[in-house]
Amino acid sequence: MFEGFELENVDTGEVTLRVRHGGSGPPLVLLHGHPRTHTTWYDVAPRLADAFTVVCPDLPGYGQSSKPETTEDHSAHSKRAMARHIVALMRHLGHERFAVAGHDRGSYVAHRLAMDHPEAVTRLVVLDGVPIGEALARADADFAREWWHWFFFGQLAKPAERVINADPDAWYGGDPEAMGAENHADFLRAIHDPETVHGMLEDYRAGLGPDREADDADKAAGRKLGCPLLMLWSSRDDMADLYGDPTAVWREWADDVRGFAIESGHHMAEDNPADLAAALREFLVQGS
């Protein structure tokens, strides 16, 4: 995987992040979702390396990145904290300004990056996500049926770690043929590590607490994203079912919004890397 990319562990001062980076050109950071690691980008990053310096970290709490100490308010796993760590990573690698694309849980980190660090983010790509505050404000019976895991992961009365760790393969699934053998092996290492499972669930607990509060505060204050935004969603997932045109949600948060569906299931980087890479290239080249 990632031929020509360098793999290293970077100490940002607060956390240590496992990261692959390579290519040449304007910097682009790719942020994975749950329950993946950075290796989900294995067939996307090399397709972009001729035009961009591509940086693919494991998010804090995920994969082989360090696991922040759990706090009572879950703020150590908040998207604000994760965004701060990504900015520190990119500065360590010599990038003061960069584009960011995030999928699933990584999309929430990408959104928070652009909100909290507008001086650093040139362009934002959101894959299969709307702001956490918007998702929760619009939650209805359909959302509860499809996204019930948000609330199972987020509650503490009967922590989900015990259920998941009893049989992580049954819980998470994963097909090596569909995912790619090396990506699948990295995924298996992650889901079989109880500390990683805990870190991933803390991400969801932060989502119901400090992440929602941050989004709600921004909306109440009328703050908007200052950079262009591309929203892509999986044609065989449920974003359109839940939100109709998902870009309409983002138009409440940014003035420059465009988007369309990618023919894929939820994990579009693995299902349709060619079309995803082409869409990223077209949007990002405009701002390079």
C-alpha atoms as a PDB file:
ATOM      1  CA  MET A   1       0.000   0.000   0.000  1.00  0.00           C
ATOM      2  CA  PHE A   2       0.918   3.653  -0.467  1.00  0.00           C
ATOM      3  CA  GLU A   3       3.944   3.086  -2.686  1.00  0.00           C
ATOM      4  CA  GLY A   4       6.273   6.067  -2.388  1.00  0.00           C
ATOM      5  CA  PHE A   5       4.655   7.272   0.858  1.00  0.00           C
ATOM      6  CA  GLU A   6       6.476   7.576   4.174  1.00  0.00           C
ATOM      7  CA  LEU A   7       5.012   6.018   7.325  1.00  0.00           C
ATOM      8  CA  GLU A   8       5.932   7.591  10.649  1.00  0.00           C
ATOM      9  CA  ASN A   9       4.694   8.402  14.127  1.00  0.00           C
ATOM     10  CA  VAL A  10       4.575  12.135  14.805  1.00  0.00           C
ATOM     11  CA  ASP A  11       4.547  13.579  18.323  1.00  0.00           C
ATOM     12  CA  THR A  12       2.419  16.725  18.104  1.00  0.00           C
ATOM     13  CA  GLY A  13       3.021  17.647  21.757  1.00  0.00           C
ATOM     14  CA  GLU A  14      -0.336  16.369  23.038  1.00  0.00           C
ATOM     15  CA  VAL A  15      -0.715  13.124  21.083  1.00  0.00           C
ATOM     16  CA  THR A  16       1.307  10.911  18.782  1.00  0.00           C
ATOM     17  CA  LEU A  17      -0.262  10.301  15.400  1.00  0.00           C
ATOM     18  CA  ARG A  18       0.538   7.495  12.997  1.00  0.00           C
ATOM     19  CA  VAL A  19       0.623   9.079   9.553  1.00  0.00           C
ATOM     20  CA  ARG A  20       1.429   8.256   5.944  1.00  0.00           C
ATOM     21  CA  HIS A  21       2.402  11.117   3.678  1.00  0.00           C
ATOM     22  CA  GLY A  22       3.736  11.460   0.175  1.00  0.00           C
ATOM     23  CA  GLY A  23       3.378  13.123  -3.186  1.00  0.00           C
ATOM     24  CA  SER A  24       4.149  16.677  -4.226  1.00  0.00           C
ATOM     25  CA  GLY A  25       2.151  19.846  -4.602  1.00  0.00           C
ATOM     26  CA  PRO A  26      -0.332  21.698  -2.382  1.00  0.00           C
ATOM     27  CA  PRO A  27      -1.010  19.842   0.889  1.00  0.00           C
ATOM     28  CA  LEU A  28      -4.160  17.782   1.372  1.00  0.00           C
ATOM     29  CA  VAL A  29      -5.045  15.899   4.558  1.00  0.00           C
ATOM     30  CA  LEU A  30      -7.450  12.940   4.343  1.00  0.00           C
ATOM     31  CA  LEU A  31      -9.341  11.990   7.517  1.00  0.00           C
ATOM     32  CA  HIS A  32     -10.940   8.547   7.817  1.00  0.00           C
ATOM     33  CA  GLY A  33     -14.149   7.577   9.583  1.00  0.00           C
ATOM     34  CA  HIS A  34     -15.326   4.885  12.004  1.00  0.00           C
ATOM     35  CA  PRO A  35     -14.197   2.136  12.357  1.00  0.00           C
ATOM     36  CA  ARG A  36     -11.442   2.555   9.773  1.00  0.00           C
ATOM     37  CA  THR A  37      -7.835   3.711   9.981  1.00  0.00           C
ATOM     38  CA  HIS A  38      -5.871   5.863   7.557  1.00  0.00           C
ATOM     39  CA  THR A  39      -5.322   2.817   5.342  1.00  0.00           C
ATOM     40  CA  THR A  40      -8.883   3.198   4.011  1.00  0.00           C
ATOM     41  CA  TRP A  41      -7.308   5.760   1.616  1.00  0.00           C
ATOM     42  CA  TYR A  42      -4.866   3.228   0.138  1.00  0.00           C
ATOM     43  CA  ASP A  43      -6.370   3.424  -3.374  1.00  0.00           C
ATOM     44  CA  VAL A  44      -7.229   7.137  -3.257  1.00  0.00           C
ATOM     45  CA  ALA A  45      -4.066   8.807  -1.921  1.00  0.00           C
ATOM     46  CA  PRO A  46      -1.713   7.447  -4.621  1.00  0.00           C
ATOM     47  CA  ARG A  47      -4.114   8.646  -7.329  1.00  0.00           C
ATOM     48  CA  LEU A  48      -3.659  12.209  -6.030  1.00  0.00           C
ATOM     49  CA  ALA A  49       0.052  12.127  -5.227  1.00  0.00           C
ATOM     50  CA  ASP A  50       1.086  13.554  -8.612  1.00  0.00           C
ATOM     51  CA  ALA A  51      -0.744  16.809  -7.849  1.00  0.00           C
ATOM     52  CA  PHE A  52      -0.854  17.040  -4.035  1.00  0.00           C
ATOM     53  CA  THR A  53       1.208  16.325  -0.975  1.00  0.00           C
ATOM     54  CA  VAL A  54      -1.206  13.869   0.628  1.00  0.00           C
ATOM     55  CA  VAL A  55      -1.252  13.334   4.400  1.00  0.00           C
ATOM     56  CA  CYS A  56      -3.241  10.435   5.882  1.00  0.00           C
ATOM     57  CA  PRO A  57      -3.231  10.150   9.699  1.00  0.00           C
ATOM     58  CA  ASP A  58      -4.976   7.789  12.058  1.00  0.00           C
ATOM     59  CA  LEU A  59      -7.287  10.058  14.047  1.00  0.00           C
ATOM     60  CA  PRO A  60      -6.532  10.344  17.777  1.00  0.00           C
ATOM     61  CA  GLY A  61      -8.093   7.352  19.536  1.00  0.00           C
ATOM     62  CA  TYR A  62      -8.167   5.338  16.311  1.00  0.00           C
ATOM     63  CA  GLY A  63      -5.806   2.845  14.722  1.00  0.00           C
ATOM     64  CA  GLN A  64      -2.277   3.132  16.034  1.00  0.00           C
ATOM     65  CA  SER A  65      -2.420   6.786  17.014  1.00  0.00           C
ATOM     66  CA  SER A  66      -2.236   7.467  20.729  1.00  0.00           C
ATOM     67  CA  LYS A  67      -5.339   7.293  22.855  1.00  0.00           C
ATOM     68  CA  PRO A  68      -6.130  10.550  24.702  1.00  0.00           C
ATOM     69  CA  GLU A  69      -6.889  10.196  28.375  1.00  0.00           C
ATOM     70  CA  THR A  70     -10.618   9.848  28.933  1.00  0.00           C
ATOM     71  CA  THR A  71     -12.232  12.878  30.555  1.00  0.00           C
ATOM     72  CA  GLU A  72     -15.595  13.119  32.278  1.00  0.00           C
ATOM     73  CA  ASP A  73     -16.944  15.528  29.666  1.00  0.00           C
ATOM     74  CA  HIS A  74     -15.358  13.538  26.782  1.00  0.00           C
ATOM     75  CA  SER A  75     -13.689  16.721  25.499  1.00  0.00           C
ATOM     76  CA  ALA A  76     -10.340  14.971  24.995  1.00  0.00           C
ATOM     77  CA  HIS A  77     -12.022  13.103  22.121  1.00  0.00           C
ATOM     78  CA  SER A  78     -13.968  16.091  20.811  1.00  0.00           C
ATOM     79  CA  LYS A  79     -13.655  17.203  17.211  1.00  0.00           C
ATOM     80  CA  ARG A  80     -12.237  20.495  18.476  1.00  0.00           C
ATOM     81  CA  ALA A  81      -9.389  18.614  20.168  1.00  0.00           C
ATOM     82  CA  MET A  82      -8.854  16.362  17.143  1.00  0.00           C
ATOM     83  CA  ALA A  83      -8.781  19.388  14.840  1.00  0.00           C
ATOM     84  CA  ARG A  84      -6.140  20.998  17.028  1.00  0.00           C
ATOM     85  CA  HIS A  85      -4.007  17.857  16.791  1.00  0.00           C
ATOM     86  CA  ILE A  86      -4.329  17.761  12.984  1.00  0.00           C
ATOM     87  CA  VAL A  87      -3.216  21.396  12.728  1.00  0.00           C
ATOM     88  CA  ALA A  88      -0.189  20.547  14.894  1.00  0.00           C
ATOM     89  CA  LEU A  89       0.573  17.529  12.685  1.00  0.00           C
ATOM     90  CA  MET A  90       0.420  19.572   9.495  1.00  0.00           C
ATOM     91  CA  ARG A  91       2.649  22.287  10.953  1.00  0.00           C
ATOM     92  CA  HIS A  92       5.134  19.623  12.017  1.00  0.00           C
ATOM     93  CA  LEU A  93       5.198  18.469   8.380  1.00  0.00           C
ATOM     94  CA  GLY A  94       5.730  22.055   7.225  1.00  0.00           C
ATOM     95  CA  HIS A  95       2.215  22.954   6.066  1.00  0.00           C
ATOM     96  CA  GLU A  96       0.628  26.142   7.429  1.00  0.00           C
ATOM     97  CA  ARG A  97      -2.302  26.062   4.967  1.00  0.00           C
ATOM     98  CA  PHE A  98      -3.910  22.969   3.509  1.00  0.00           C
ATOM     99  CA  ALA A  99      -7.064  21.426   2.085  1.00  0.00           C
ATOM    100  CA  VAL A 100      -8.909  18.821   4.129  1.00  0.00           C
ATOM    101  CA  ALA A 101     -11.268  15.998   3.207  1.00  0.00           C
ATOM    102  CA  GLY A 102     -13.002  13.903   5.850  1.00  0.00           C
ATOM    103  CA  HIS A 103     -15.266  10.882   5.671  1.00  0.00           C
ATOM    104  CA  ASP A 104     -17.896   9.868   8.238  1.00  0.00           C
ATOM    105  CA  ARG A 105     -16.490  10.766  11.691  1.00  0.00           C
ATOM    106  CA  GLY A 106     -13.542  12.346   9.921  1.00  0.00           C
ATOM    107  CA  SER A 107     -15.971  14.731   8.224  1.00  0.00           C
ATOM    108  CA  TYR A 108     -16.841  16.179  11.638  1.00  0.00           C
ATOM    109  CA  VAL A 109     -13.159  16.732  12.381  1.00  0.00           C
ATOM    110  CA  ALA A 110     -12.738  18.359   8.967  1.00  0.00           C
ATOM    111  CA  HIS A 111     -15.718  20.640   9.607  1.00  0.00           C
ATOM    112  CA  ARG A 112     -14.361  21.674  13.004  1.00  0.00           C
ATOM    113  CA  LEU A 113     -10.927  22.269  11.467  1.00  0.00           C
ATOM    114  CA  ALA A 114     -12.406  24.722   8.982  1.00  0.00           C
ATOM    115  CA  MET A 115     -14.531  26.444  11.644  1.00  0.00           C
ATOM    116  CA  ASP A 116     -11.842  26.783  14.314  1.00  0.00           C
ATOM    117  CA  HIS A 117      -8.815  27.291  12.058  1.00  0.00           C
ATOM    118  CA  PRO A 118      -9.984  29.287   9.026  1.00  0.00           C
ATOM    119  CA  GLU A 119      -6.486  30.629   8.542  1.00  0.00           C
ATOM    120  CA  ALA A 120      -5.240  27.079   7.924  1.00  0.00           C
ATOM    121  CA  VAL A 121      -7.945  25.479   5.745  1.00  0.00           C
ATOM    122  CA  THR A 122      -8.078  26.425   2.067  1.00  0.00           C
ATOM    123  CA  ARG A 123     -10.836  24.047   0.926  1.00  0.00           C
ATOM    124  CA  LEU A 124     -13.120  21.592   2.702  1.00  0.00           C
ATOM    125  CA  VAL A 125     -14.501  18.303   1.400  1.00  0.00           C
ATOM    126  CA  VAL A 126     -17.141  16.498   3.453  1.00  0.00           C
ATOM    127  CA  LEU A 127     -17.938  12.866   2.628  1.00  0.00           C
ATOM    128  CA  ASP A 128     -21.150  11.353   3.997  1.00  0.00           C
ATOM    129  CA  GLY A 129     -21.719  13.862   6.770  1.00  0.00           C
ATOM    130  CA  VAL A 130     -23.623  16.945   7.881  1.00  0.00           C
ATOM    131  CA  PRO A 131     -22.718  18.927  11.017  1.00  0.00           C
ATOM    132  CA  ILE A 132     -23.274  16.889  14.175  1.00  0.00           C
ATOM    133  CA  GLY A 133     -25.514  19.599  15.593  1.00  0.00           C
ATOM    134  CA  GLU A 134     -27.671  19.499  12.461  1.00  0.00           C
ATOM    135  CA  ALA A 135     -27.916  15.691  12.501  1.00  0.00           C
ATOM    136  CA  LEU A 136     -29.076  15.673  16.114  1.00  0.00           C
ATOM    137  CA  ALA A 137     -31.458  18.607  15.716  1.00  0.00           C
ATOM    138  CA  ARG A 138     -33.090  16.849  12.765  1.00  0.00           C
ATOM    139  CA  ALA A 139     -33.089  13.369  14.345  1.00  0.00           C
ATOM    140  CA  ASP A 140     -36.417  11.593  13.939  1.00  0.00           C
ATOM    141  CA  ALA A 141     -37.662   8.006  13.911  1.00  0.00           C
ATOM    142  CA  ASP A 142     -35.938   7.315  10.577  1.00  0.00           C
ATOM    143  CA  PHE A 143     -32.631   8.615  11.947  1.00  0.00           C
ATOM    144  CA  ALA A 144     -33.050   6.590  15.127  1.00  0.00           C
ATOM    145  CA  ARG A 145     -33.722   3.436  13.132  1.00  0.00           C
ATOM    146  CA  GLU A 146     -30.709   3.850  10.842  1.00  0.00           C
ATOM    147  CA  TRP A 147     -28.249   5.587  13.183  1.00  0.00           C
ATOM    148  CA  TRP A 148     -29.219   4.044  16.510  1.00  0.00           C
ATOM    149  CA  HIS A 149     -25.559   3.213  17.143  1.00  0.00           C
ATOM    150  CA  TRP A 150     -24.873   6.908  17.856  1.00  0.00           C
ATOM    151  CA  PHE A 151     -26.919   6.588  21.029  1.00  0.00           C
ATOM    152  CA  PHE A 152     -25.765   3.082  21.924  1.00  0.00           C
ATOM    153  CA  PHE A 153     -22.130   4.181  21.639  1.00  0.00           C
ATOM    154  CA  GLY A 154     -22.779   7.498  23.366  1.00  0.00           C
ATOM    155  CA  GLN A 155     -24.513   6.294  26.537  1.00  0.00           C
ATOM    156  CA  LEU A 156     -22.653   5.112  29.639  1.00  0.00           C
ATOM    157  CA  ALA A 157     -25.335   3.254  31.614  1.00  0.00           C
ATOM    158  CA  LYS A 158     -24.444   0.033  29.776  1.00  0.00           C
ATOM    159  CA  PRO A 159     -21.162   0.809  27.951  1.00  0.00           C
ATOM    160  CA  ALA A 160     -20.922  -0.637  24.467  1.00  0.00           C
ATOM    161  CA  GLU A 161     -17.295  -1.715  24.888  1.00  0.00           C
ATOM    162  CA  ARG A 162     -18.339  -4.956  26.582  1.00  0.00           C
ATOM    163  CA  VAL A 163     -20.664  -5.910  23.731  1.00  0.00           C
ATOM    164  CA  ILE A 164     -18.217  -5.049  20.947  1.00  0.00           C
ATOM    165  CA  ASN A 165     -15.119  -6.569  22.561  1.00  0.00           C
ATOM    166  CA  ALA A 166     -16.946  -9.867  23.098  1.00  0.00           C
ATOM    167  CA  ASP A 167     -16.789 -10.479  19.328  1.00  0.00           C
ATOM    168  CA  PRO A 168     -15.403  -7.553  17.308  1.00  0.00           C
ATOM    169  CA  ASP A 169     -15.441  -9.529  14.051  1.00  0.00           C
ATOM    170  CA  ALA A 170     -19.167 -10.200  14.366  1.00  0.00           C
ATOM    171  CA  TRP A 171     -19.854  -6.592  15.349  1.00  0.00           C
ATOM    172  CA  TYR A 172     -17.786  -4.808  12.703  1.00  0.00           C
ATOM    173  CA  GLY A 173     -17.671  -7.338   9.870  1.00  0.00           C
ATOM    174  CA  GLY A 174     -15.229  -6.400   7.130  1.00  0.00           C
ATOM    175  CA  ASP A 175     -14.482  -8.158   3.847  1.00  0.00           C
ATOM    176  CA  PRO A 176     -10.808  -8.423   2.818  1.00  0.00           C
ATOM    177  CA  GLU A 177     -11.756  -8.750  -0.846  1.00  0.00           C
ATOM    178  CA  ALA A 178     -13.832  -5.571  -0.781  1.00  0.00           C
ATOM    179  CA  MET A 179     -11.480  -3.640   1.504  1.00  0.00           C
ATOM    180  CA  GLY A 180      -8.143  -4.827   0.140  1.00  0.00           C
ATOM    181  CA  ALA A 181      -6.074  -7.341   2.087  1.00  0.00           C
ATOM    182  CA  GLU A 182      -3.636  -4.928   3.749  1.00  0.00           C
ATOM    183  CA  ASN A 183      -6.296  -2.372   4.596  1.00  0.00           C
ATOM    184  CA  HIS A 184      -8.441  -5.146   6.051  1.00  0.00           C
ATOM    185  CA  ALA A 185      -5.532  -6.426   8.153  1.00  0.00           C
ATOM    186  CA  ASP A 186      -4.959  -2.941   9.575  1.00  0.00           C
ATOM    187  CA  PHE A 187      -8.666  -2.628  10.320  1.00  0.00           C
ATOM    188  CA  LEU A 188      -8.615  -5.976  12.155  1.00  0.00           C
ATOM    189  CA  ARG A 189      -5.709  -4.892  14.337  1.00  0.00           C
ATOM    190  CA  ALA A 190      -7.683  -1.814  15.317  1.00  0.00           C
ATOM    191  CA  ILE A 191     -10.998  -3.451  16.165  1.00  0.00           C
ATOM    192  CA  HIS A 192      -9.281  -6.179  18.215  1.00  0.00           C
ATOM    193  CA  ASP A 193      -7.583  -3.599  20.438  1.00  0.00           C
ATOM    194  CA  PRO A 194      -9.894  -2.754  23.385  1.00  0.00           C
ATOM    195  CA  GLU A 195      -8.157   0.609  23.874  1.00  0.00           C
ATOM    196  CA  THR A 196      -8.933   1.531  20.287  1.00  0.00           C
ATOM    197  CA  VAL A 197     -12.552   0.415  20.637  1.00  0.00           C
ATOM    198  CA  HIS A 198     -12.833   2.624  23.715  1.00  0.00           C
ATOM    199  CA  GLY A 199     -11.253   5.553  21.862  1.00  0.00           C
ATOM    200  CA  MET A 200     -13.674   5.169  18.974  1.00  0.00           C
ATOM    201  CA  LEU A 201     -16.666   5.112  21.329  1.00  0.00           C
ATOM    202  CA  GLU A 202     -15.376   8.178  23.168  1.00  0.00           C
ATOM    203  CA  ASP A 203     -15.527   9.927  19.790  1.00  0.00           C
ATOM    204  CA  TYR A 204     -19.290   9.241  19.736  1.00  0.00           C
ATOM    205  CA  ARG A 205     -19.701  10.306  23.370  1.00  0.00           C
ATOM    206  CA  ALA A 206     -18.037  13.584  22.510  1.00  0.00           C
ATOM    207  CA  GLY A 207     -20.423  13.853  19.577  1.00  0.00           C
ATOM    208  CA  LEU A 208     -23.458  13.931  21.868  1.00  0.00           C
ATOM    209  CA  GLY A 209     -21.777  16.426  24.216  1.00  0.00           C
ATOM    210  CA  PRO A 210     -19.053  18.950  23.375  1.00  0.00           C
ATOM    211  CA  ASP A 211     -19.281  18.477  19.613  1.00  0.00           C
ATOM    212  CA  ARG A 212     -22.980  19.243  19.496  1.00  0.00           C
ATOM    213  CA  GLU A 213     -22.455  22.187  21.833  1.00  0.00           C
ATOM    214  CA  ALA A 214     -19.740  23.607  19.560  1.00  0.00           C
ATOM    215  CA  ASP A 215     -21.945  23.326  16.474  1.00  0.00           C
ATOM    216  CA  ASP A 216     -24.953  24.817  18.252  1.00  0.00           C
ATOM    217  CA  ALA A 217     -22.858  27.733  19.525  1.00  0.00           C
ATOM    218  CA  ASP A 218     -21.555  28.458  16.028  1.00  0.00           C
ATOM    219  CA  LYS A 219     -25.037  28.371  14.552  1.00  0.00           C
ATOM    220  CA  ALA A 220     -26.485  30.605  17.259  1.00  0.00           C
ATOM    221  CA  ALA A 221     -23.684  33.118  16.657  1.00  0.00           C
ATOM    222  CA  GLY A 222     -24.202  33.013  12.891  1.00  0.00           C
ATOM    223  CA  ARG A 223     -20.674  31.834  12.196  1.00  0.00           C
ATOM    224  CA  LYS A 224     -20.080  30.340   8.761  1.00  0.00           C
ATOM    225  CA  LEU A 225     -17.306  28.585   6.917  1.00  0.00           C
ATOM    226  CA  GLY A 226     -15.103  30.921   4.950  1.00  0.00           C
ATOM    227  CA  CYS A 227     -13.706  28.408   2.468  1.00  0.00           C
ATOM    228  CA  PRO A 228     -15.323  26.626  -0.493  1.00  0.00           C
ATOM    229  CA  LEU A 229     -17.020  23.345   0.450  1.00  0.00           C
ATOM    230  CA  LEU A 230     -17.633  20.192  -1.572  1.00  0.00           C
ATOM    231  CA  MET A 231     -20.113  17.666  -0.159  1.00  0.00           C
ATOM    232  CA  LEU A 232     -20.055  14.131  -1.611  1.00  0.00           C
ATOM    233  CA  TRP A 233     -22.347  11.361  -0.506  1.00  0.00           C
ATOM    234  CA  SER A 234     -22.596   7.633  -1.233  1.00  0.00           C
ATOM    235  CA  SER A 235     -25.435   6.776  -3.606  1.00  0.00           C
ATOM    236  CA  ARG A 236     -26.148   3.504  -1.797  1.00  0.00           C
ATOM    237  CA  ASP A 237     -26.114   5.004   1.710  1.00  0.00           C
ATOM    238  CA  ASP A 238     -28.853   6.965   3.465  1.00  0.00           C
ATOM    239  CA  MET A 239     -27.782  10.627   3.293  1.00  0.00           C
ATOM    240  CA  ALA A 240     -30.295  11.488   0.574  1.00  0.00           C
ATOM    241  CA  ASP A 241     -33.027   9.506   2.356  1.00  0.00           C
ATOM    242  CA  LEU A 242     -32.474  11.488   5.540  1.00  0.00           C
ATOM    243  CA  TYR A 243     -31.810  14.951   4.137  1.00  0.00           C
ATOM    244  CA  GLY A 244     -33.055  15.041   0.541  1.00  0.00           C
ATOM    245  CA  ASP A 245     -30.340  17.188  -1.028  1.00  0.00           C
ATOM    246  CA  PRO A 246     -27.563  17.048   1.621  1.00  0.00           C
ATOM    247  CA  THR A 247     -25.923  20.169   0.189  1.00  0.00           C
ATOM    248  CA  ALA A 248     -28.989  22.133   1.338  1.00  0.00           C
ATOM    249  CA  VAL A 249     -27.972  21.440   4.942  1.00  0.00           C
ATOM    250  CA  TRP A 250     -24.467  22.759   4.298  1.00  0.00           C
ATOM    251  CA  ARG A 251     -25.765  25.921   2.624  1.00  0.00           C
ATOM    252  CA  GLU A 252     -26.803  27.055   6.084  1.00  0.00           C
ATOM    253  CA  TRP A 253     -23.116  26.859   7.035  1.00  0.00           C
ATOM    254  CA  ALA A 254     -21.257  28.165   3.994  1.00  0.00           C
ATOM    255  CA  ASP A 255     -21.854  30.421   1.011  1.00  0.00           C
ATOM    256  CA  ASP A 256     -19.799  28.426  -1.495  1.00  0.00           C
ATOM    257  CA  VAL A 257     -21.251  24.885  -1.492  1.00  0.00           C
ATOM    258  CA  ARG A 258     -21.418  22.288  -4.231  1.00  0.00           C
ATOM    259  CA  GLY A 259     -21.898  18.533  -4.206  1.00  0.00           C
ATOM    260  CA  PHE A 260     -23.170  15.331  -5.766  1.00  0.00           C
ATOM    261  CA  ALA A 261     -23.458  11.600  -5.124  1.00  0.00           C
ATOM    262  CA  ILE A 262     -20.684   9.089  -5.740  1.00  0.00           C
ATOM    263  CA  GLU A 263     -21.798   5.639  -6.934  1.00  0.00           C
ATOM    264  CA  SER A 264     -20.765   3.559  -3.936  1.00  0.00           C
ATOM    265  CA  GLY A 265     -21.693   2.160  -0.572  1.00  0.00           C
ATOM    266  CA  HIS A 266     -20.802   4.024   2.607  1.00  0.00           C
ATOM    267  CA  HIS A 267     -17.047   3.392   2.432  1.00  0.00           C
ATOM    268  CA  MET A 268     -16.584   5.210  -0.856  1.00  0.00           C
ATOM    269  CA  ALA A 269     -12.772   5.326  -0.672  1.00  0.00           C
ATOM    270  CA  GLU A 270     -12.810   1.540  -0.879  1.00  0.00           C
ATOM    271  CA  ASP A 271     -15.881   1.088  -3.094  1.00  0.00           C
ATOM    272  CA  ASN A 272     -15.122   3.669  -5.796  1.00  0.00           C
ATOM    273  CA  PRO A 273     -11.658   5.189  -5.352  1.00  0.00           C
ATOM    274  CA  ALA A 274     -11.370   6.272  -8.981  1.00  0.00           C
ATOM    275  CA  ASP A 275     -14.472   8.491  -9.025  1.00  0.00           C
ATOM    276  CA  LEU A 276     -13.758   9.819  -5.544  1.00  0.00           C
ATOM    277  CA  ALA A 277     -10.182  10.761  -6.450  1.00  0.00           C
ATOM    278  CA  ALA A 278     -11.380  12.418  -9.650  1.00  0.00           C
ATOM    279  CA  ALA A 279     -13.959  14.489  -7.746  1.00  0.00           C
ATOM    280  CA  LEU A 280     -11.382  15.558  -5.179  1.00  0.00           C
ATOM    281  CA  ARG A 281      -8.884  16.480  -7.870  1.00  0.00           C
ATOM    282  CA  GLU A 282     -11.366  18.586  -9.835  1.00  0.00           C
ATOM    283  CA  PHE A 283     -12.487  20.553  -6.773  1.00  0.00           C
ATOM    284  CA  LEU A 284      -9.074  20.973  -5.172  1.00  0.00           C
ATOM    285  CA  VAL A 285      -7.170  21.959  -8.304  1.00  0.00           C
ATOM    286  CA  GLN A 286      -9.431  25.018  -8.528  1.00  0.00           C
ATOM    287  CA  GLY A 287      -8.000  26.230  -5.234  1.00  0.00           C
ATOM    288  CA  SER A 288      -4.346  25.249  -5.697  1.00  0.00           C
END
